[in-house]
PDB file of N, CA and C in Angstrom:
ATOM      1  N   UNK A   1       0.819  -1.194   0.000  1.00  0.00           N
ATOM      2  CA  UNK A   1       0.000   0.000   0.000  1.00  0.00           C
ATOM      3  C   UNK A   1       0.861   1.255   0.000  1.00  0.00           C
ATOM      4  N   UNK A   2       1.967   1.240   0.688  1.00  0.00           N
ATOM      5  CA  UNK A   2       2.810   2.412   0.785  1.00  0.00           C
ATOM      6  C   UNK A   2       3.639   2.681  -0.460  1.00  0.00           C
ATOM      7  N   UNK A   3       3.819   1.662  -1.308  1.00  0.00           N
ATOM      8  CA  UNK A   3       4.657   1.859  -2.480  1.00  0.00           C
ATOM      9  C   UNK A   3       4.011   2.787  -3.496  1.00  0.00           C
ATOM     10  N   UNK A   4       2.669   2.826  -3.548  1.00  0.00           N
ATOM     11  CA  UNK A   4       2.006   3.731  -4.487  1.00  0.00           C
ATOM     12  C   UNK A   4       2.228   5.186  -4.097  1.00  0.00           C
ATOM     13  N   UNK A   5       2.317   5.431  -2.810  1.00  0.00           N
ATOM     14  CA  UNK A   5       2.510   6.789  -2.326  1.00  0.00           C
ATOM     15  C   UNK A   5       3.931   7.261  -2.604  1.00  0.00           C
ATOM     16  N   UNK A   6       4.873   6.375  -2.639  1.00  0.00           N
ATOM     17  CA  UNK A   6       6.275   6.738  -2.838  1.00  0.00           C
ATOM     18  C   UNK A   6       6.593   6.957  -4.313  1.00  0.00           C
ATOM     19  N   UNK A   7       5.912   6.273  -5.208  1.00  0.00           N
ATOM     20  CA  UNK A   7       6.251   6.334  -6.636  1.00  0.00           C
ATOM     21  C   UNK A   7       6.005   7.718  -7.229  1.00  0.00           C
ATOM     22  N   UNK A   8       4.903   8.362  -6.889  1.00  0.00           N
ATOM     23  CA  UNK A   8       4.570   9.680  -7.452  1.00  0.00           C
ATOM     24  C   UNK A   8       5.639  10.726  -7.112  1.00  0.00           C
ATOM     25  N   UNK A   9       6.048  10.879  -5.847  1.00  0.00           N
ATOM     26  CA  UNK A   9       7.121  11.855  -5.570  1.00  0.00           C
ATOM     27  C   UNK A   9       8.437  11.511  -6.255  1.00  0.00           C
ATOM     28  N   UNK A  10       8.720  10.226  -6.413  1.00  0.00           N
ATOM     29  CA  UNK A  10       9.955   9.839  -7.101  1.00  0.00           C
ATOM     30  C   UNK A  10       9.904  10.272  -8.560  1.00  0.00           C
ATOM     31  N   UNK A  11       8.766  10.085  -9.208  1.00  0.00           N
ATOM     32  CA  UNK A  11       8.629  10.499 -10.611  1.00  0.00           C
ATOM     33  C   UNK A  11       8.808  12.008 -10.748  1.00  0.00           C
ATOM     34  N   UNK A  12       8.128  12.767  -9.883  1.00  0.00           N
ATOM     35  CA  UNK A  12       8.278  14.222  -9.939  1.00  0.00           C
ATOM     36  C   UNK A  12       9.695  14.658  -9.589  1.00  0.00           C
ATOM     37  N   UNK A  13      10.330  13.962  -8.662  1.00  0.00           N
ATOM     38  CA  UNK A  13      11.712  14.281  -8.312  1.00  0.00           C
ATOM     39  C   UNK A  13      12.671  14.047  -9.470  1.00  0.00           C
ATOM     40  N   UNK A  14      12.467  12.971 -10.203  1.00  0.00           N
ATOM     41  CA  UNK A  14      13.320  12.678 -11.358  1.00  0.00           C
ATOM     42  C   UNK A  14      13.126  13.745 -12.439  1.00  0.00           C
ATOM     43  N   UNK A  15      11.877  14.113 -12.702  1.00  0.00           N
ATOM     44  CA  UNK A  15      11.607  15.154 -13.698  1.00  0.00           C
ATOM     45  C   UNK A  15      12.241  16.478 -13.280  1.00  0.00           C
ATOM     46  N   UNK A  16      12.118  16.837 -11.989  1.00  0.00           N
ATOM     47  CA  UNK A  16      12.736  18.065 -11.494  1.00  0.00           C
ATOM     48  C   UNK A  16      14.251  18.006 -11.610  1.00  0.00           C
ATOM     49  N   UNK A  17      14.840  16.866 -11.274  1.00  0.00           N
ATOM     50  CA  UNK A  17      16.299  16.740 -11.339  1.00  0.00           C
ATOM     51  C   UNK A  17      16.811  16.875 -12.767  1.00  0.00           C
ATOM     52  N   UNK A  18      16.104  16.270 -13.714  1.00  0.00           N
ATOM     53  CA  UNK A  18      16.521  16.386 -15.116  1.00  0.00           C
ATOM     54  C   UNK A  18      16.429  17.831 -15.584  1.00  0.00           C
ATOM     55  N   UNK A  19      15.323  18.508 -15.255  1.00  0.00           N
ATOM     56  CA  UNK A  19      15.172  19.910 -15.656  1.00  0.00           C
ATOM     57  C   UNK A  19      16.237  20.776 -14.989  1.00  0.00           C
ATOM     58  N   UNK A  20      16.500  20.545 -13.705  1.00  0.00           N
ATOM     59  CA  UNK A  20      17.509  21.330 -12.993  1.00  0.00           C
ATOM     60  C   UNK A  20      18.890  21.143 -13.604  1.00  0.00           C
ATOM     61  N   UNK A  21      19.260  19.902 -13.881  1.00  0.00           N
ATOM     62  CA  UNK A  21      20.569  19.653 -14.483  1.00  0.00           C
ATOM     63  C   UNK A  21      20.673  20.280 -15.871  1.00  0.00           C
ATOM     64  N   UNK A  22      19.615  20.205 -16.638  1.00  0.00           N
ATOM     65  CA  UNK A  22      19.642  20.779 -17.985  1.00  0.00           C
ATOM     66  C   UNK A  22      19.863  22.286 -17.923  1.00  0.00           C
ATOM     67  N   UNK A  23      19.065  22.978 -17.103  1.00  0.00           N
ATOM     68  CA  UNK A  23      19.169  24.432 -17.067  1.00  0.00           C
ATOM     69  C   UNK A  23      20.434  24.905 -16.365  1.00  0.00           C
ATOM     70  N   UNK A  24      20.890  24.205 -15.348  1.00  0.00           N
ATOM     71  CA  UNK A  24      22.105  24.647 -14.661  1.00  0.00           C
ATOM     72  C   UNK A  24      23.338  24.436 -15.539  1.00  0.00           C
ATOM     73  N   UNK A  25      23.420  23.316 -16.252  1.00  0.00           N
ATOM     74  CA  UNK A  25      24.580  23.121 -17.130  1.00  0.00           C
ATOM     75  C   UNK A  25      24.540  24.065 -18.317  1.00  0.00           C
ATOM     76  N   UNK A  26      23.346  24.371 -18.823  1.00  0.00           N
ATOM     77  CA  UNK A  26      23.256  25.332 -19.917  1.00  0.00           C
ATOM     78  C   UNK A  26      23.721  26.706 -19.461  1.00  0.00           C
ATOM     79  N   UNK A  27      23.350  27.073 -18.242  1.00  0.00           N
ATOM     80  CA  UNK A  27      23.766  28.366 -17.718  1.00  0.00           C
ATOM     81  C   UNK A  27      25.278  28.405 -17.530  1.00  0.00           C
ATOM     82  N   UNK A  28      25.867  27.331 -17.005  1.00  0.00           N
ATOM     83  CA  UNK A  28      27.313  27.298 -16.803  1.00  0.00           C
ATOM     84  C   UNK A  28      28.066  27.356 -18.126  1.00  0.00           C
ATOM     85  N   UNK A  29      27.557  26.657 -19.139  1.00  0.00           N
ATOM     86  CA  UNK A  29      28.199  26.700 -20.454  1.00  0.00           C
ATOM     87  C   UNK A  29      28.149  28.103 -21.038  1.00  0.00           C
ATOM     88  N   UNK A  30      27.013  28.759 -20.895  1.00  0.00           N
ATOM     89  CA  UNK A  30      26.896  30.119 -21.428  1.00  0.00           C
ATOM     90  C   UNK A  30      27.801  31.092 -20.694  1.00  0.00           C
ATOM     91  N   UNK A  31      27.887  30.954 -19.377  1.00  0.00           N
ATOM     92  CA  UNK A  31      28.784  31.839 -18.618  1.00  0.00           C
ATOM     93  C   UNK A  31      30.234  31.614 -19.016  1.00  0.00           C
ATOM     94  N   UNK A  32      30.623  30.362 -19.234  1.00  0.00           N
ATOM     95  CA  UNK A  32      31.995  30.072 -19.648  1.00  0.00           C
ATOM     96  C   UNK A  32      32.279  30.663 -21.030  1.00  0.00           C
ATOM     97  N   UNK A  33      31.323  30.587 -21.946  1.00  0.00           N
ATOM     98  CA  UNK A  33      31.538  31.175 -23.268  1.00  0.00           C
ATOM     99  C   UNK A  33      31.625  32.693 -23.208  1.00  0.00           C
ATOM    100  N   UNK A  34      30.817  33.308 -22.349  1.00  0.00           N
ATOM    101  CA  UNK A  34      30.866  34.764 -22.222  1.00  0.00           C
ATOM    102  C   UNK A  34      32.194  35.186 -21.611  1.00  0.00           C
ATOM    103  N   UNK A  35      32.701  34.435 -20.632  1.00  0.00           N
ATOM    104  CA  UNK A  35      34.001  34.762 -20.031  1.00  0.00           C
ATOM    105  C   UNK A  35      35.135  34.668 -21.043  1.00  0.00           C
ATOM    106  N   UNK A  36      35.003  33.760 -21.995  1.00  0.00           N
ATOM    107  CA  UNK A  36      36.046  33.615 -23.012  1.00  0.00           C
ATOM    108  C   UNK A  36      35.903  34.631 -24.128  1.00  0.00           C
ATOM    109  N   UNK A  37      34.842  35.442 -24.092  1.00  0.00           N
ATOM    110  CA  UNK A  37      34.690  36.508 -25.065  1.00  0.00           C
ATOM    111  C   UNK A  37      33.814  36.158 -26.257  1.00  0.00           C
ATOM    112  N   UNK A  38      33.006  35.148 -26.151  1.00  0.00           N
ATOM    113  CA  UNK A  38      32.119  34.786 -27.256  1.00  0.00           C
ATOM    114  C   UNK A  38      30.984  35.797 -27.356  1.00  0.00           C
ATOM    115  N   UNK A  39      30.478  35.973 -28.545  1.00  0.00           N
ATOM    116  CA  UNK A  39      29.382  36.905 -28.782  1.00  0.00           C
ATOM    117  C   UNK A  39      28.094  36.326 -28.210  1.00  0.00           C
ATOM    118  N   UNK A  40      27.277  37.143 -27.597  1.00  0.00           N
ATOM    119  CA  UNK A  40      26.042  36.681 -26.959  1.00  0.00           C
ATOM    120  C   UNK A  40      24.967  36.299 -27.981  1.00  0.00           C
ATOM    121  N   UNK A  41      25.158  36.662 -29.231  1.00  0.00           N
ATOM    122  CA  UNK A  41      24.145  36.352 -30.235  1.00  0.00           C
ATOM    123  C   UNK A  41      24.093  34.866 -30.579  1.00  0.00           C
ATOM    124  N   UNK A  42      25.086  34.099 -30.162  1.00  0.00           N
ATOM    125  CA  UNK A  42      25.054  32.661 -30.458  1.00  0.00           C
ATOM    126  C   UNK A  42      24.035  31.929 -29.594  1.00  0.00           C
ATOM    127  N   UNK A  43      23.545  32.571 -28.531  1.00  0.00           N
ATOM    128  CA  UNK A  43      22.571  31.930 -27.667  1.00  0.00           C
ATOM    129  C   UNK A  43      21.155  32.052 -28.199  1.00  0.00           C
ATOM    130  N   UNK A  44      20.929  32.956 -29.104  1.00  0.00           N
ATOM    131  CA  UNK A  44      19.598  33.152 -29.673  1.00  0.00           C
ATOM    132  C   UNK A  44      19.492  32.265 -30.897  1.00  0.00           C
ATOM    133  N   UNK A  45      18.513  31.385 -30.886  1.00  0.00           N
ATOM    134  CA  UNK A  45      18.316  30.515 -32.038  1.00  0.00           C
ATOM    135  C   UNK A  45      17.735  31.358 -33.175  1.00  0.00           C
ATOM    136  N   UNK A  46      18.488  31.445 -34.228  1.00  0.00           N
ATOM    137  CA  UNK A  46      18.051  32.244 -35.357  1.00  0.00           C
ATOM    138  C   UNK A  46      17.039  31.510 -36.223  1.00  0.00           C
ATOM    139  N   UNK A  47      16.087  32.265 -36.736  1.00  0.00           N
ATOM    140  CA  UNK A  47      15.122  31.692 -37.661  1.00  0.00           C
ATOM    141  C   UNK A  47      15.706  31.706 -39.050  1.00  0.00           C
ATOM    142  N   UNK A  48      15.597  30.577 -39.691  1.00  0.00           N
ATOM    143  CA  UNK A  48      16.058  30.517 -41.070  1.00  0.00           C
ATOM    144  C   UNK A  48      15.012  31.165 -41.956  1.00  0.00           C
ATOM    145  N   UNK A  49      15.459  31.757 -43.005  1.00  0.00           N
ATOM    146  CA  UNK A  49      14.544  32.360 -43.966  1.00  0.00           C
ATOM    147  C   UNK A  49      13.743  31.279 -44.662  1.00  0.00           C
ATOM    148  N   UNK A  50      12.453  31.396 -44.665  1.00  0.00           N
ATOM    149  CA  UNK A  50      11.595  30.468 -45.382  1.00  0.00           C
ATOM    150  C   UNK A  50      11.342  29.156 -44.677  1.00  0.00           C
ATOM    151  N   UNK A  51      11.787  29.015 -43.432  1.00  0.00           N
ATOM    152  CA  UNK A  51      11.559  27.763 -42.701  1.00  0.00           C
ATOM    153  C   UNK A  51      10.114  27.713 -42.221  1.00  0.00           C
ATOM    154  N   UNK A  52       9.558  26.528 -42.200  1.00  0.00           N
ATOM    155  CA  UNK A  52       8.180  26.347 -41.742  1.00  0.00           C
ATOM    156  C   UNK A  52       8.116  26.557 -40.235  1.00  0.00           C
ATOM    157  N   UNK A  53       7.034  27.158 -39.754  1.00  0.00           N
ATOM    158  CA  UNK A  53       6.890  27.335 -38.307  1.00  0.00           C
ATOM    159  C   UNK A  53       6.806  25.988 -37.587  1.00  0.00           C
ATOM    160  N   UNK A  54       7.258  25.979 -36.362  1.00  0.00           N
ATOM    161  CA  UNK A  54       7.320  24.751 -35.571  1.00  0.00           C
ATOM    162  C   UNK A  54       5.939  24.153 -35.348  1.00  0.00           C
ATOM    163  N   UNK A  55       4.941  25.000 -35.119  1.00  0.00           N
ATOM    164  CA  UNK A  55       3.597  24.494 -34.834  1.00  0.00           C
ATOM    165  C   UNK A  55       2.991  23.802 -36.044  1.00  0.00           C
ATOM    166  N   UNK A  56       3.337  24.235 -37.243  1.00  0.00           N
ATOM    167  CA  UNK A  56       2.816  23.561 -38.439  1.00  0.00           C
ATOM    168  C   UNK A  56       3.390  22.151 -38.564  1.00  0.00           C
ATOM    169  N   UNK A  57       4.639  21.994 -38.235  1.00  0.00           N
ATOM    170  CA  UNK A  57       5.280  20.685 -38.307  1.00  0.00           C
ATOM    171  C   UNK A  57       4.683  19.742 -37.273  1.00  0.00           C
ATOM    172  N   UNK A  58       4.460  20.240 -36.056  1.00  0.00           N
ATOM    173  CA  UNK A  58       3.867  19.410 -34.995  1.00  0.00           C
ATOM    174  C   UNK A  58       2.455  18.984 -35.377  1.00  0.00           C
ATOM    175  N   UNK A  59       1.647  19.923 -35.860  1.00  0.00           N
ATOM    176  CA  UNK A  59       0.269  19.596 -36.237  1.00  0.00           C
ATOM    177  C   UNK A  59       0.249  18.607 -37.392  1.00  0.00           C
ATOM    178  N   UNK A  60       1.132  18.770 -38.354  1.00  0.00           N
ATOM    179  CA  UNK A  60       1.193  17.850 -39.486  1.00  0.00           C
ATOM    180  C   UNK A  60       1.534  16.438 -39.024  1.00  0.00           C
ATOM    181  N   UNK A  61       2.541  16.296 -38.166  1.00  0.00           N
ATOM    182  CA  UNK A  61       2.951  14.967 -37.705  1.00  0.00           C
ATOM    183  C   UNK A  61       1.894  14.316 -36.812  1.00  0.00           C
ATOM    184  N   UNK A  62       1.283  15.086 -35.924  1.00  0.00           N
ATOM    185  CA  UNK A  62       0.248  14.516 -35.055  1.00  0.00           C
ATOM    186  C   UNK A  62      -0.972  14.104 -35.864  1.00  0.00           C
ATOM    187  N   UNK A  63      -1.354  14.920 -36.838  1.00  0.00           N
ATOM    188  CA  UNK A  63      -2.527  14.569 -37.646  1.00  0.00           C
ATOM    189  C   UNK A  63      -2.274  13.316 -38.475  1.00  0.00           C
ATOM    190  N   UNK A  64      -1.100  13.186 -39.050  1.00  0.00           N
ATOM    191  CA  UNK A  64      -0.803  11.977 -39.821  1.00  0.00           C
ATOM    192  C   UNK A  64      -0.683  10.752 -38.924  1.00  0.00           C
ATOM    193  N   UNK A  65      -0.184  10.927 -37.712  1.00  0.00           N
ATOM    194  CA  UNK A  65      -0.138   9.811 -36.769  1.00  0.00           C
ATOM    195  C   UNK A  65      -1.549   9.350 -36.410  1.00  0.00           C
ATOM    196  N   UNK A  66      -2.439  10.284 -36.127  1.00  0.00           N
ATOM    197  CA  UNK A  66      -3.809   9.918 -35.770  1.00  0.00           C
ATOM    198  C   UNK A  66      -4.564   9.321 -36.953  1.00  0.00           C
ATOM    199  N   UNK A  67      -4.304   9.823 -38.155  1.00  0.00           N
ATOM    200  CA  UNK A  67      -4.913   9.221 -39.346  1.00  0.00           C
ATOM    201  C   UNK A  67      -4.428   7.787 -39.511  1.00  0.00           C
ATOM    202  N   UNK A  68      -3.142   7.558 -39.287  1.00  0.00           N
ATOM    203  CA  UNK A  68      -2.595   6.207 -39.381  1.00  0.00           C
ATOM    204  C   UNK A  68      -3.199   5.273 -38.352  1.00  0.00           C
ATOM    205  N   UNK A  69      -3.410   5.749 -37.130  1.00  0.00           N
ATOM    206  CA  UNK A  69      -4.006   4.913 -36.085  1.00  0.00           C
ATOM    207  C   UNK A  69      -5.463   4.605 -36.419  1.00  0.00           C
ATOM    208  N   UNK A  70      -6.207   5.605 -36.877  1.00  0.00           N
ATOM    209  CA  UNK A  70      -7.600   5.369 -37.250  1.00  0.00           C
ATOM    210  C   UNK A  70      -7.727   4.396 -38.410  1.00  0.00           C
ATOM    211  N   UNK A  71      -6.895   4.558 -39.408  1.00  0.00           N
ATOM    212  CA  UNK A  71      -6.902   3.643 -40.543  1.00  0.00           C
ATOM    213  C   UNK A  71      -6.496   2.232 -40.105  1.00  0.00           C
ATOM    214  N   UNK A  72      -5.580   2.147 -39.153  1.00  0.00           N
ATOM    215  CA  UNK A  72      -5.140   0.838 -38.659  1.00  0.00           C
ATOM    216  C   UNK A  72      -6.260   0.109 -37.940  1.00  0.00           C
ATOM    217  N   UNK A  73      -7.047   0.817 -37.149  1.00  0.00           N
ATOM    218  CA  UNK A  73      -8.172   0.177 -36.462  1.00  0.00           C
ATOM    219  C   UNK A  73      -9.195  -0.318 -37.476  1.00  0.00           C
ATOM    220  N   UNK A  74      -9.430   0.470 -38.513  1.00  0.00           N
ATOM    221  CA  UNK A  74     -10.360   0.061 -39.568  1.00  0.00           C
ATOM    222  C   UNK A  74      -9.849  -1.188 -40.293  1.00  0.00           C
ATOM    223  N   UNK A  75      -8.575  -1.200 -40.671  1.00  0.00           N
ATOM    224  CA  UNK A  75      -7.995  -2.347 -41.375  1.00  0.00           C
ATOM    225  C   UNK A  75      -7.974  -3.576 -40.469  1.00  0.00           C
ATOM    226  N   UNK A  76      -7.672  -3.384 -39.195  1.00  0.00           N
ATOM    227  CA  UNK A  76      -7.644  -4.512 -38.267  1.00  0.00           C
ATOM    228  C   UNK A  76      -9.031  -5.111 -38.093  1.00  0.00           C
ATOM    229  N   UNK A  77     -10.057  -4.283 -38.056  1.00  0.00           N
ATOM    230  CA  UNK A  77     -11.409  -4.829 -37.926  1.00  0.00           C
ATOM    231  C   UNK A  77     -11.794  -5.615 -39.176  1.00  0.00           C
ATOM    232  N   UNK A  78     -11.341  -5.170 -40.341  1.00  0.00           N
ATOM    233  CA  UNK A  78     -11.585  -5.941 -41.564  1.00  0.00           C
ATOM    234  C   UNK A  78     -10.851  -7.283 -41.493  1.00  0.00           C
ATOM    235  N   UNK A  79      -9.610  -7.253 -41.008  1.00  0.00           N
ATOM    236  CA  UNK A  79      -8.852  -8.504 -40.884  1.00  0.00           C
ATOM    237  C   UNK A  79      -9.504  -9.477 -39.907  1.00  0.00           C
ATOM    238  N   UNK A  80     -10.046  -8.957 -38.821  1.00  0.00           N
ATOM    239  CA  UNK A  80     -10.627  -9.822 -37.797  1.00  0.00           C
ATOM    240  C   UNK A  80     -11.957 -10.403 -38.262  1.00  0.00           C
ATOM    241  N   UNK A  81     -12.850  -9.564 -38.769  1.00  0.00           N
ATOM    242  CA  UNK A  81     -14.203 -10.028 -39.059  1.00  0.00           C
ATOM    243  C   UNK A  81     -14.340 -10.706 -40.415  1.00  0.00           C
ATOM    244  N   UNK A  82     -13.567 -10.313 -41.396  1.00  0.00           N
ATOM    245  CA  UNK A  82     -13.701 -10.919 -42.720  1.00  0.00           C
ATOM    246  C   UNK A  82     -12.725 -12.066 -42.956  1.00  0.00           C
ATOM    247  N   UNK A  83     -11.518 -11.945 -42.450  1.00  0.00           N
ATOM    248  CA  UNK A  83     -10.520 -12.976 -42.701  1.00  0.00           C
ATOM    249  C   UNK A  83     -10.323 -13.913 -41.525  1.00  0.00           C
ATOM    250  N   UNK A  84     -10.952 -13.634 -40.395  1.00  0.00           N
ATOM    251  CA  UNK A  84     -10.865 -14.516 -39.247  1.00  0.00           C
ATOM    252  C   UNK A  84      -9.542 -14.480 -38.521  1.00  0.00           C
ATOM    253  N   UNK A  85      -8.788 -13.410 -38.654  1.00  0.00           N
ATOM    254  CA  UNK A  85      -7.502 -13.299 -37.967  1.00  0.00           C
ATOM    255  C   UNK A  85      -7.734 -13.068 -36.475  1.00  0.00           C
ATOM    256  N   UNK A  86      -6.811 -13.516 -35.657  1.00  0.00           N
ATOM    257  CA  UNK A  86      -6.920 -13.343 -34.215  1.00  0.00           C
ATOM    258  C   UNK A  86      -6.823 -11.851 -33.877  1.00  0.00           C
ATOM    259  N   UNK A  87      -7.777 -11.345 -33.089  1.00  0.00           N
ATOM    260  CA  UNK A  87      -7.798  -9.913 -32.813  1.00  0.00           C
ATOM    261  C   UNK A  87      -6.649  -9.467 -31.918  1.00  0.00           C
ATOM    262  N   UNK A  88      -6.064 -10.374 -31.136  1.00  0.00           N
ATOM    263  CA  UNK A  88      -4.921 -10.009 -30.296  1.00  0.00           C
ATOM    264  C   UNK A  88      -3.666  -9.762 -31.117  1.00  0.00           C
ATOM    265  N   UNK A  89      -3.662 -10.214 -32.351  1.00  0.00           N
ATOM    266  CA  UNK A  89      -2.529 -10.001 -33.246  1.00  0.00           C
ATOM    267  C   UNK A  89      -2.838  -8.889 -34.238  1.00  0.00           C
ATOM    268  N   UNK A  90      -4.054  -8.859 -34.728  1.00  0.00           N
ATOM    269  CA  UNK A  90      -4.414  -7.932 -35.800  1.00  0.00           C
ATOM    270  C   UNK A  90      -4.377  -6.474 -35.350  1.00  0.00           C
ATOM    271  N   UNK A  91      -4.991  -6.168 -34.209  1.00  0.00           N
ATOM    272  CA  UNK A  91      -5.072  -4.774 -33.777  1.00  0.00           C
ATOM    273  C   UNK A  91      -3.709  -4.165 -33.449  1.00  0.00           C
ATOM    274  N   UNK A  92      -2.907  -4.756 -32.565  1.00  0.00           N
ATOM    275  CA  UNK A  92      -1.607  -4.123 -32.293  1.00  0.00           C
ATOM    276  C   UNK A  92      -0.691  -4.087 -33.514  1.00  0.00           C
ATOM    277  N   UNK A  93      -0.718  -5.150 -34.302  1.00  0.00           N
ATOM    278  CA  UNK A  93       0.162  -5.189 -35.476  1.00  0.00           C
ATOM    279  C   UNK A  93      -0.153  -4.100 -36.481  1.00  0.00           C
ATOM    280  N   UNK A  94      -1.424  -3.950 -36.809  1.00  0.00           N
ATOM    281  CA  UNK A  94      -1.774  -2.924 -37.799  1.00  0.00           C
ATOM    282  C   UNK A  94      -1.655  -1.522 -37.218  1.00  0.00           C
ATOM    283  N   UNK A  95      -1.950  -1.352 -35.931  1.00  0.00           N
ATOM    284  CA  UNK A  95      -1.828  -0.013 -35.340  1.00  0.00           C
ATOM    285  C   UNK A  95      -0.370   0.443 -35.355  1.00  0.00           C
ATOM    286  N   UNK A  96       0.540  -0.417 -34.913  1.00  0.00           N
ATOM    287  CA  UNK A  96       1.952  -0.015 -34.915  1.00  0.00           C
ATOM    288  C   UNK A  96       2.487   0.181 -36.329  1.00  0.00           C
ATOM    289  N   UNK A  97       2.078  -0.676 -37.248  1.00  0.00           N
ATOM    290  CA  UNK A  97       2.571  -0.565 -38.621  1.00  0.00           C
ATOM    291  C   UNK A  97       2.086   0.709 -39.289  1.00  0.00           C
ATOM    292  N   UNK A  98       0.791   0.959 -39.236  1.00  0.00           N
ATOM    293  CA  UNK A  98       0.262   2.137 -39.929  1.00  0.00           C
ATOM    294  C   UNK A  98       0.572   3.439 -39.186  1.00  0.00           C
ATOM    295  N   UNK A  99       0.761   3.389 -37.874  1.00  0.00           N
ATOM    296  CA  UNK A  99       1.215   4.587 -37.165  1.00  0.00           C
ATOM    297  C   UNK A  99       2.645   4.927 -37.595  1.00  0.00           C
ATOM    298  N   UNK A 100       3.483   3.914 -37.763  1.00  0.00           N
ATOM    299  CA  UNK A 100       4.839   4.150 -38.264  1.00  0.00           C
ATOM    300  C   UNK A 100       4.844   4.684 -39.680  1.00  0.00           C
ATOM    301  N   UNK A 101       3.941   4.173 -40.513  1.00  0.00           N
ATOM    302  CA  UNK A 101       3.829   4.681 -41.885  1.00  0.00           C
ATOM    303  C   UNK A 101       3.383   6.141 -41.864  1.00  0.00           C
ATOM    304  N   UNK A 102       2.442   6.466 -40.974  1.00  0.00           N
ATOM    305  CA  UNK A 102       1.994   7.858 -40.853  1.00  0.00           C
ATOM    306  C   UNK A 102       3.113   8.784 -40.427  1.00  0.00           C
ATOM    307  N   UNK A 103       3.941   8.338 -39.475  1.00  0.00           N
ATOM    308  CA  UNK A 103       5.067   9.161 -39.047  1.00  0.00           C
ATOM    309  C   UNK A 103       6.124   9.292 -40.141  1.00  0.00           C
ATOM    310  N   UNK A 104       6.323   8.244 -40.914  1.00  0.00           N
ATOM    311  CA  UNK A 104       7.269   8.306 -42.025  1.00  0.00           C
ATOM    312  C   UNK A 104       6.785   9.283 -43.090  1.00  0.00           C
ATOM    313  N   UNK A 105       5.500   9.243 -43.399  1.00  0.00           N
ATOM    314  CA  UNK A 105       4.934  10.195 -44.360  1.00  0.00           C
ATOM    315  C   UNK A 105       5.048  11.614 -43.814  1.00  0.00           C
ATOM    316  N   UNK A 106       4.803  11.782 -42.508  1.00  0.00           N
ATOM    317  CA  UNK A 106       4.954  13.101 -41.891  1.00  0.00           C
ATOM    318  C   UNK A 106       6.384  13.606 -41.959  1.00  0.00           C
ATOM    319  N   UNK A 107       7.335  12.710 -41.792  1.00  0.00           N
ATOM    320  CA  UNK A 107       8.740  13.100 -41.879  1.00  0.00           C
ATOM    321  C   UNK A 107       9.087  13.575 -43.282  1.00  0.00           C
ATOM    322  N   UNK A 108       8.646  12.820 -44.292  1.00  0.00           N
ATOM    323  CA  UNK A 108       8.960  13.220 -45.663  1.00  0.00           C
ATOM    324  C   UNK A 108       8.242  14.511 -46.040  1.00  0.00           C
ATOM    325  N   UNK A 109       7.012  14.686 -45.573  1.00  0.00           N
ATOM    326  CA  UNK A 109       6.294  15.929 -45.862  1.00  0.00           C
ATOM    327  C   UNK A 109       6.935  17.120 -45.151  1.00  0.00           C
ATOM    328  N   UNK A 110       7.432  16.908 -43.943  1.00  0.00           N
ATOM    329  CA  UNK A 110       8.113  17.969 -43.212  1.00  0.00           C
ATOM    330  C   UNK A 110       9.413  18.362 -43.905  1.00  0.00           C
ATOM    331  N   UNK A 111      10.154  17.368 -44.376  1.00  0.00           N
ATOM    332  CA  UNK A 111      11.400  17.664 -45.078  1.00  0.00           C
ATOM    333  C   UNK A 111      11.129  18.435 -46.363  1.00  0.00           C
ATOM    334  N   UNK A 112      10.082  18.057 -47.074  1.00  0.00           N
ATOM    335  CA  UNK A 112       9.705  18.756 -48.300  1.00  0.00           C
ATOM    336  C   UNK A 112       9.217  20.180 -47.989  1.00  0.00           C
ATOM    337  N   UNK A 113       8.501  20.337 -46.849  1.00  0.00           N
ATOM    338  CA  UNK A 113       8.001  21.647 -46.450  1.00  0.00           C
ATOM    339  C   UNK A 113       9.141  22.577 -46.089  1.00  0.00           C
ATOM    340  N   UNK A 114      10.195  22.053 -45.462  1.00  0.00           N
ATOM    341  CA  UNK A 114      11.320  22.887 -45.067  1.00  0.00           C
ATOM    342  C   UNK A 114      12.212  23.253 -46.250  1.00  0.00           C
ATOM    343  N   UNK A 115      12.191  22.447 -47.318  1.00  0.00           N
ATOM    344  CA  UNK A 115      12.999  22.778 -48.491  1.00  0.00           C
ATOM    345  C   UNK A 115      12.400  23.944 -49.274  1.00  0.00           C
ATOM    346  N   UNK A 116      11.098  24.111 -49.168  1.00  0.00           N
ATOM    347  CA  UNK A 116      10.425  25.178 -49.939  1.00  0.00           C
ATOM    348  C   UNK A 116      10.770  26.537 -49.422  1.00  0.00           C
TER     349      UNK A 116
END
């Protein structure tokens, strides 16, 4: 009974520790570069001319992933009811396969979008 109470603080502690280490080391690296005389403009991520906005890429990939999952459930139901395939194999197999295909299509579309 007590182990459930301990797991939640441990998870939050790990997340906090990772965030703390990330930001503290980034700050130390930046201070070291400034002490050596580096220009402060290297810390600002520059926008490339003509690059697609980040939110468009995220929406494109999430939408293609969800389309792939929906199509996979449809194909799996066809496999189960028409071809008699075992549903414990058909659903996970088609969901993972078509979700991967959706992400691959999203990757290629994102690469093409960034080239424009």
